[in-house]
Amino acid sequence: MALLIALFIVGWVAVAALGTQAYFRGEQSKPIHERNWNSDSFEQLAESITATKTDYSERVPGYPVDAFAATNQ
């Protein structure tokens, strides 16, 4: 029984680690809202988890830069 519990715990930790990696790698490549473009806290957390820096040449704004002008045409 102890072996089964240990196997369950090891599996849960592995799934949690892989899921966290997948989430942060996906978030690093998605379009991003302008207000979050320079979010240092997210970048530090993502870099510490994935061990990779965000490639800003692939990351694009999710909304127009000038939202006020875009809504008042």
PDB file of N, CA and C in Angstrom:
ATOM      1  N   MET A   1       0.819  -1.193   0.000  1.00  0.00           N
ATOM      2  CA  MET A   1       0.000   0.000   0.000  1.00  0.00           C
ATOM      3  C   MET A   1       0.865   1.261   0.000  1.00  0.00           C
ATOM      4  N   ALA A   2       1.959   1.219   0.761  1.00  0.00           N
ATOM      5  CA  ALA A   2       2.857   2.371   0.810  1.00  0.00           C
ATOM      6  C   ALA A   2       3.492   2.625  -0.555  1.00  0.00           C
ATOM      7  N   LEU A   3       3.771   1.549  -1.277  1.00  0.00           N
ATOM      8  CA  LEU A   3       4.345   1.682  -2.618  1.00  0.00           C
ATOM      9  C   LEU A   3       3.358   2.367  -3.561  1.00  0.00           C
ATOM     10  N   LEU A   4       2.102   2.036  -3.466  1.00  0.00           N
ATOM     11  CA  LEU A   4       1.067   2.641  -4.294  1.00  0.00           C
ATOM     12  C   LEU A   4       0.917   4.129  -3.987  1.00  0.00           C
ATOM     13  N   ILE A   5       0.940   4.477  -2.724  1.00  0.00           N
ATOM     14  CA  ILE A   5       0.851   5.885  -2.321  1.00  0.00           C
ATOM     15  C   ILE A   5       2.073   6.657  -2.807  1.00  0.00           C
ATOM     16  N   ALA A   6       3.246   6.096  -2.672  1.00  0.00           N
ATOM     17  CA  ALA A   6       4.470   6.745  -3.139  1.00  0.00           C
ATOM     18  C   ALA A   6       4.437   6.946  -4.651  1.00  0.00           C
ATOM     19  N   LEU A   7       3.946   5.944  -5.377  1.00  0.00           N
ATOM     20  CA  LEU A   7       3.842   6.053  -6.829  1.00  0.00           C
ATOM     21  C   LEU A   7       2.858   7.150  -7.218  1.00  0.00           C
ATOM     22  N   PHE A   8       1.759   7.248  -6.508  1.00  0.00           N
ATOM     23  CA  PHE A   8       0.776   8.295  -6.756  1.00  0.00           C
ATOM     24  C   PHE A   8       1.383   9.684  -6.521  1.00  0.00           C
ATOM     25  N   ILE A   9       2.112   9.854  -5.455  1.00  0.00           N
ATOM     26  CA  ILE A   9       2.720  11.154  -5.132  1.00  0.00           C
ATOM     27  C   ILE A   9       3.768  11.527  -6.175  1.00  0.00           C
ATOM     28  N   VAL A  10       4.601  10.598  -6.570  1.00  0.00           N
ATOM     29  CA  VAL A  10       5.624  10.871  -7.589  1.00  0.00           C
ATOM     30  C   VAL A  10       4.962  11.235  -8.918  1.00  0.00           C
ATOM     31  N   GLY A  11       3.908  10.538  -9.285  1.00  0.00           N
ATOM     32  CA  GLY A  11       3.186  10.848 -10.517  1.00  0.00           C
ATOM     33  C   GLY A  11       2.550  12.215 -10.473  1.00  0.00           C
ATOM     34  N   TRP A  12       1.955  12.567  -9.337  1.00  0.00           N
ATOM     35  CA  TRP A  12       1.328  13.883  -9.194  1.00  0.00           C
ATOM     36  C   TRP A  12       2.361  15.000  -9.311  1.00  0.00           C
ATOM     37  N   VAL A  13       3.522  14.836  -8.699  1.00  0.00           N
ATOM     38  CA  VAL A  13       4.589  15.842  -8.785  1.00  0.00           C
ATOM     39  C   VAL A  13       5.078  15.978 -10.222  1.00  0.00           C
ATOM     40  N   ALA A  14       5.223  14.868 -10.924  1.00  0.00           N
ATOM     41  CA  ALA A  14       5.676  14.915 -12.317  1.00  0.00           C
ATOM     42  C   ALA A  14       4.658  15.632 -13.201  1.00  0.00           C
ATOM     43  N   VAL A  15       3.392  15.330 -13.038  1.00  0.00           N
ATOM     44  CA  VAL A  15       2.348  15.987 -13.829  1.00  0.00           C
ATOM     45  C   VAL A  15       2.293  17.477 -13.512  1.00  0.00           C
ATOM     46  N   ALA A  16       2.429  17.847 -12.255  1.00  0.00           N
ATOM     47  CA  ALA A  16       2.408  19.259 -11.869  1.00  0.00           C
ATOM     48  C   ALA A  16       3.589  20.004 -12.487  1.00  0.00           C
ATOM     49  N   ALA A  17       4.753  19.398 -12.479  1.00  0.00           N
ATOM     50  CA  ALA A  17       5.943  20.044 -13.057  1.00  0.00           C
ATOM     51  C   ALA A  17       5.801  20.204 -14.562  1.00  0.00           C
ATOM     52  N   LEU A  18       5.345  19.178 -15.243  1.00  0.00           N
ATOM     53  CA  LEU A  18       5.165  19.269 -16.698  1.00  0.00           C
ATOM     54  C   LEU A  18       4.069  20.256 -17.071  1.00  0.00           C
ATOM     55  N   GLY A  19       2.992  20.277 -16.318  1.00  0.00           N
ATOM     56  CA  GLY A  19       1.909  21.228 -16.578  1.00  0.00           C
ATOM     57  C   GLY A  19       2.352  22.664 -16.380  1.00  0.00           C
ATOM     58  N   THR A  20       3.140  22.907 -15.355  1.00  0.00           N
ATOM     59  CA  THR A  20       3.652  24.256 -15.107  1.00  0.00           C
ATOM     60  C   THR A  20       4.569  24.698 -16.230  1.00  0.00           C
ATOM     61  N   GLN A  21       5.440  23.818 -16.677  1.00  0.00           N
ATOM     62  CA  GLN A  21       6.330  24.124 -17.808  1.00  0.00           C
ATOM     63  C   GLN A  21       5.509  24.471 -19.047  1.00  0.00           C
ATOM     64  N   ALA A  22       4.517  23.657 -19.350  1.00  0.00           N
ATOM     65  CA  ALA A  22       3.693  23.870 -20.541  1.00  0.00           C
ATOM     66  C   ALA A  22       2.945  25.195 -20.452  1.00  0.00           C
ATOM     67  N   TYR A  23       2.401  25.512 -19.294  1.00  0.00           N
ATOM     68  CA  TYR A  23       1.669  26.766 -19.124  1.00  0.00           C
ATOM     69  C   TYR A  23       2.572  27.970 -19.377  1.00  0.00           C
ATOM     70  N   PHE A  24       3.721  28.015 -18.718  1.00  0.00           N
ATOM     71  CA  PHE A  24       4.573  29.186 -18.849  1.00  0.00           C
ATOM     72  C   PHE A  24       5.201  29.290 -20.237  1.00  0.00           C
ATOM     73  N   ARG A  25       5.546  28.177 -20.864  1.00  0.00           N
ATOM     74  CA  ARG A  25       6.068  28.238 -22.228  1.00  0.00           C
ATOM     75  C   ARG A  25       4.991  28.737 -23.185  1.00  0.00           C
ATOM     76  N   GLY A  26       3.752  28.339 -22.970  1.00  0.00           N
ATOM     77  CA  GLY A  26       2.650  28.827 -23.798  1.00  0.00           C
ATOM     78  C   GLY A  26       2.394  30.300 -23.580  1.00  0.00           C
ATOM     79  N   GLU A  27       2.408  30.740 -22.331  1.00  0.00           N
ATOM     80  CA  GLU A  27       2.185  32.149 -22.027  1.00  0.00           C
ATOM     81  C   GLU A  27       3.293  33.037 -22.580  1.00  0.00           C
ATOM     82  N   GLN A  28       4.513  32.525 -22.654  1.00  0.00           N
ATOM     83  CA  GLN A  28       5.625  33.319 -23.164  1.00  0.00           C
ATOM     84  C   GLN A  28       5.508  33.563 -24.662  1.00  0.00           C
ATOM     85  N   SER A  29       4.691  32.802 -25.372  1.00  0.00           N
ATOM     86  CA  SER A  29       4.603  32.961 -26.820  1.00  0.00           C
ATOM     87  C   SER A  29       3.278  33.554 -27.283  1.00  0.00           C
ATOM     88  N   LYS A  30       2.318  33.773 -26.392  1.00  0.00           N
ATOM     89  CA  LYS A  30       1.011  34.304 -26.760  1.00  0.00           C
ATOM     90  C   LYS A  30       1.078  35.807 -27.030  1.00  0.00           C
ATOM     91  N   PRO A  31       0.100  36.330 -27.792  1.00  0.00           N
ATOM     92  CA  PRO A  31      -0.034  37.793 -27.866  1.00  0.00           C
ATOM     93  C   PRO A  31      -0.324  38.334 -26.464  1.00  0.00           C
ATOM     94  N   ILE A  32       0.153  39.540 -26.205  1.00  0.00           N
ATOM     95  CA  ILE A  32       0.045  40.090 -24.855  1.00  0.00           C
ATOM     96  C   ILE A  32      -0.560  41.481 -24.905  1.00  0.00           C
ATOM     97  N   HIS A  33      -1.361  41.810 -23.915  1.00  0.00           N
ATOM     98  CA  HIS A  33      -1.948  43.138 -23.821  1.00  0.00           C
ATOM     99  C   HIS A  33      -0.845  44.142 -23.501  1.00  0.00           C
ATOM    100  N   GLU A  34      -0.982  45.344 -24.031  1.00  0.00           N
ATOM    101  CA  GLU A  34       0.054  46.372 -23.870  1.00  0.00           C
ATOM    102  C   GLU A  34       0.381  46.656 -22.408  1.00  0.00           C
ATOM    103  N   ARG A  35      -0.626  46.671 -21.535  1.00  0.00           N
ATOM    104  CA  ARG A  35      -0.366  47.004 -20.120  1.00  0.00           C
ATOM    105  C   ARG A  35       0.472  45.946 -19.424  1.00  0.00           C
ATOM    106  N   ASN A  36       0.509  44.729 -19.979  1.00  0.00           N
ATOM    107  CA  ASN A  36       1.291  43.654 -19.377  1.00  0.00           C
ATOM    108  C   ASN A  36       2.615  43.421 -20.090  1.00  0.00           C
ATOM    109  N   TRP A  37       2.913  44.235 -21.093  1.00  0.00           N
ATOM    110  CA  TRP A  37       4.102  44.008 -21.918  1.00  0.00           C
ATOM    111  C   TRP A  37       5.376  43.970 -21.079  1.00  0.00           C
ATOM    112  N   ASN A  38       5.490  44.841 -20.109  1.00  0.00           N
ATOM    113  CA  ASN A  38       6.704  44.906 -19.288  1.00  0.00           C
ATOM    114  C   ASN A  38       6.466  44.378 -17.881  1.00  0.00           C
ATOM    115  N   SER A  39       5.750  43.287 -17.764  1.00  0.00           N
ATOM    116  CA  SER A  39       5.461  42.708 -16.461  1.00  0.00           C
ATOM    117  C   SER A  39       6.691  41.938 -15.964  1.00  0.00           C
ATOM    118  N   ASP A  40       7.487  42.608 -15.154  1.00  0.00           N
ATOM    119  CA  ASP A  40       8.726  41.988 -14.668  1.00  0.00           C
ATOM    120  C   ASP A  40       8.459  40.779 -13.777  1.00  0.00           C
ATOM    121  N   SER A  41       7.390  40.828 -12.987  1.00  0.00           N
ATOM    122  CA  SER A  41       7.133  39.713 -12.074  1.00  0.00           C
ATOM    123  C   SER A  41       6.802  38.433 -12.844  1.00  0.00           C
ATOM    124  N   PHE A  42       5.996  38.539 -13.908  1.00  0.00           N
ATOM    125  CA  PHE A  42       5.694  37.351 -14.701  1.00  0.00           C
ATOM    126  C   PHE A  42       6.954  36.846 -15.398  1.00  0.00           C
ATOM    127  N   GLU A  43       7.739  37.758 -15.939  1.00  0.00           N
ATOM    128  CA  GLU A  43       8.949  37.351 -16.655  1.00  0.00           C
ATOM    129  C   GLU A  43       9.931  36.638 -15.728  1.00  0.00           C
ATOM    130  N   GLN A  44      10.087  37.141 -14.506  1.00  0.00           N
ATOM    131  CA  GLN A  44      10.994  36.494 -13.554  1.00  0.00           C
ATOM    132  C   GLN A  44      10.496  35.096 -13.185  1.00  0.00           C
ATOM    133  N   LEU A  45       9.197  34.988 -12.944  1.00  0.00           N
ATOM    134  CA  LEU A  45       8.631  33.688 -12.587  1.00  0.00           C
ATOM    135  C   LEU A  45       8.735  32.712 -13.759  1.00  0.00           C
ATOM    136  N   ALA A  46       8.384  33.160 -14.952  1.00  0.00           N
ATOM    137  CA  ALA A  46       8.447  32.283 -16.129  1.00  0.00           C
ATOM    138  C   ALA A  46       9.877  31.847 -16.416  1.00  0.00           C
ATOM    139  N   GLU A  47      10.822  32.773 -16.278  1.00  0.00           N
ATOM    140  CA  GLU A  47      12.224  32.426 -16.540  1.00  0.00           C
ATOM    141  C   GLU A  47      12.753  31.438 -15.498  1.00  0.00           C
ATOM    142  N   SER A  48      12.348  31.604 -14.243  1.00  0.00           N
ATOM    143  CA  SER A  48      12.839  30.685 -13.220  1.00  0.00           C
ATOM    144  C   SER A  48      12.241  29.286 -13.385  1.00  0.00           C
ATOM    145  N   ILE A  49      11.023  29.202 -13.896  1.00  0.00           N
ATOM    146  CA  ILE A  49      10.380  27.894 -14.067  1.00  0.00           C
ATOM    147  C   ILE A  49      10.845  27.204 -15.340  1.00  0.00           C
ATOM    148  N   THR A  50      10.916  27.950 -16.455  1.00  0.00           N
ATOM    149  CA  THR A  50      11.242  27.326 -17.746  1.00  0.00           C
ATOM    150  C   THR A  50      12.717  27.389 -18.099  1.00  0.00           C
ATOM    151  N   ALA A  51      13.485  28.218 -17.405  1.00  0.00           N
ATOM    152  CA  ALA A  51      14.914  28.413 -17.677  1.00  0.00           C
ATOM    153  C   ALA A  51      15.162  28.954 -19.079  1.00  0.00           C
ATOM    154  N   THR A  52      14.170  29.673 -19.644  1.00  0.00           N
ATOM    155  CA  THR A  52      14.348  30.326 -20.941  1.00  0.00           C
ATOM    156  C   THR A  52      13.811  31.744 -20.867  1.00  0.00           C
ATOM    157  N   LYS A  53      14.464  32.638 -21.587  1.00  0.00           N
ATOM    158  CA  LYS A  53      14.003  34.020 -21.655  1.00  0.00           C
ATOM    159  C   LYS A  53      12.890  34.130 -22.692  1.00  0.00           C
ATOM    160  N   THR A  54      12.015  35.123 -22.520  1.00  0.00           N
ATOM    161  CA  THR A  54      10.946  35.370 -23.475  1.00  0.00           C
ATOM    162  C   THR A  54      11.534  35.966 -24.741  1.00  0.00           C
ATOM    163  N   ASP A  55      11.146  35.423 -25.892  1.00  0.00           N
ATOM    164  CA  ASP A  55      11.609  35.933 -27.177  1.00  0.00           C
ATOM    165  C   ASP A  55      10.633  37.006 -27.650  1.00  0.00           C
ATOM    166  N   TYR A  56      11.005  38.268 -27.482  1.00  0.00           N
ATOM    167  CA  TYR A  56      10.099  39.360 -27.820  1.00  0.00           C
ATOM    168  C   TYR A  56       9.945  39.556 -29.329  1.00  0.00           C
ATOM    169  N   SER A  57      10.764  38.912 -30.138  1.00  0.00           N
ATOM    170  CA  SER A  57      10.571  39.005 -31.583  1.00  0.00           C
ATOM    171  C   SER A  57       9.356  38.177 -32.017  1.00  0.00           C
ATOM    172  N   GLU A  58       8.942  37.212 -31.202  1.00  0.00           N
ATOM    173  CA  GLU A  58       7.764  36.390 -31.495  1.00  0.00           C
ATOM    174  C   GLU A  58       6.518  36.896 -30.785  1.00  0.00           C
ATOM    175  N   ARG A  59       6.694  37.656 -29.743  1.00  0.00           N
ATOM    176  CA  ARG A  59       5.564  38.096 -28.931  1.00  0.00           C
ATOM    177  C   ARG A  59       5.022  39.418 -29.463  1.00  0.00           C
ATOM    178  N   VAL A  60       3.748  39.462 -29.755  1.00  0.00           N
ATOM    179  CA  VAL A  60       3.135  40.646 -30.347  1.00  0.00           C
ATOM    180  C   VAL A  60       2.032  41.175 -29.442  1.00  0.00           C
ATOM    181  N   PRO A  61       1.716  42.483 -29.540  1.00  0.00           N
ATOM    182  CA  PRO A  61       0.609  43.008 -28.746  1.00  0.00           C
ATOM    183  C   PRO A  61      -0.708  42.361 -29.160  1.00  0.00           C
ATOM    184  N   GLY A  62      -1.573  42.116 -28.198  1.00  0.00           N
ATOM    185  CA  GLY A  62      -2.859  41.494 -28.474  1.00  0.00           C
ATOM    186  C   GLY A  62      -3.909  42.479 -28.911  1.00  0.00           C
ATOM    187  N   TYR A  63      -3.719  43.758 -28.623  1.00  0.00           N
ATOM    188  CA  TYR A  63      -4.674  44.798 -28.957  1.00  0.00           C
ATOM    189  C   TYR A  63      -3.924  45.959 -29.597  1.00  0.00           C
ATOM    190  N   PRO A  64      -4.664  46.843 -30.299  1.00  0.00           N
ATOM    191  CA  PRO A  64      -3.977  48.015 -30.878  1.00  0.00           C
ATOM    192  C   PRO A  64      -3.269  48.822 -29.795  1.00  0.00           C
ATOM    193  N   VAL A  65      -2.154  49.426 -30.168  1.00  0.00           N
ATOM    194  CA  VAL A  65      -1.376  50.196 -29.206  1.00  0.00           C
ATOM    195  C   VAL A  65      -2.161  51.400 -28.712  1.00  0.00           C
ATOM    196  N   ASP A  66      -2.889  52.054 -29.601  1.00  0.00           N
ATOM    197  CA  ASP A  66      -3.675  53.207 -29.209  1.00  0.00           C
ATOM    198  C   ASP A  66      -5.151  52.813 -29.163  1.00  0.00           C
ATOM    199  N   ALA A  67      -5.570  52.263 -28.053  1.00  0.00           N
ATOM    200  CA  ALA A  67      -6.927  51.743 -27.928  1.00  0.00           C
ATOM    201  C   ALA A  67      -7.966  52.852 -28.013  1.00  0.00           C
ATOM    202  N   PHE A  68      -7.662  54.048 -27.497  1.00  0.00           N
ATOM    203  CA  PHE A  68      -8.619  55.152 -27.540  1.00  0.00           C
ATOM    204  C   PHE A  68      -8.909  55.576 -28.971  1.00  0.00           C
ATOM    205  N   ALA A  69      -7.874  55.721 -29.770  1.00  0.00           N
ATOM    206  CA  ALA A  69      -8.057  56.105 -31.168  1.00  0.00           C
ATOM    207  C   ALA A  69      -8.765  55.014 -31.953  1.00  0.00           C
ATOM    208  N   ALA A  70      -8.513  53.767 -31.607  1.00  0.00           N
ATOM    209  CA  ALA A  70      -9.123  52.656 -32.329  1.00  0.00           C
ATOM    210  C   ALA A  70     -10.625  52.584 -32.084  1.00  0.00           C
ATOM    211  N   THR A  71     -11.081  53.012 -30.906  1.00  0.00           N
ATOM    212  CA  THR A  71     -12.524  52.947 -30.593  1.00  0.00           C
ATOM    213  C   THR A  71     -13.258  54.218 -30.984  1.00  0.00           C
ATOM    214  N   ASN A  72     -12.564  55.283 -31.291  1.00  0.00           N
ATOM    215  CA  ASN A  72     -13.185  56.564 -31.609  1.00  0.00           C
ATOM    216  C   ASN A  72     -12.940  56.989 -33.043  1.00  0.00           C
ATOM    217  N   GLN A  73     -13.174  56.114 -33.973  1.00  0.00           N
ATOM    218  CA  GLN A  73     -12.942  56.472 -35.382  1.00  0.00           C
ATOM    219  C   GLN A  73     -14.217  56.935 -36.037  1.00  0.00           C
TER     220      GLN A  73
END
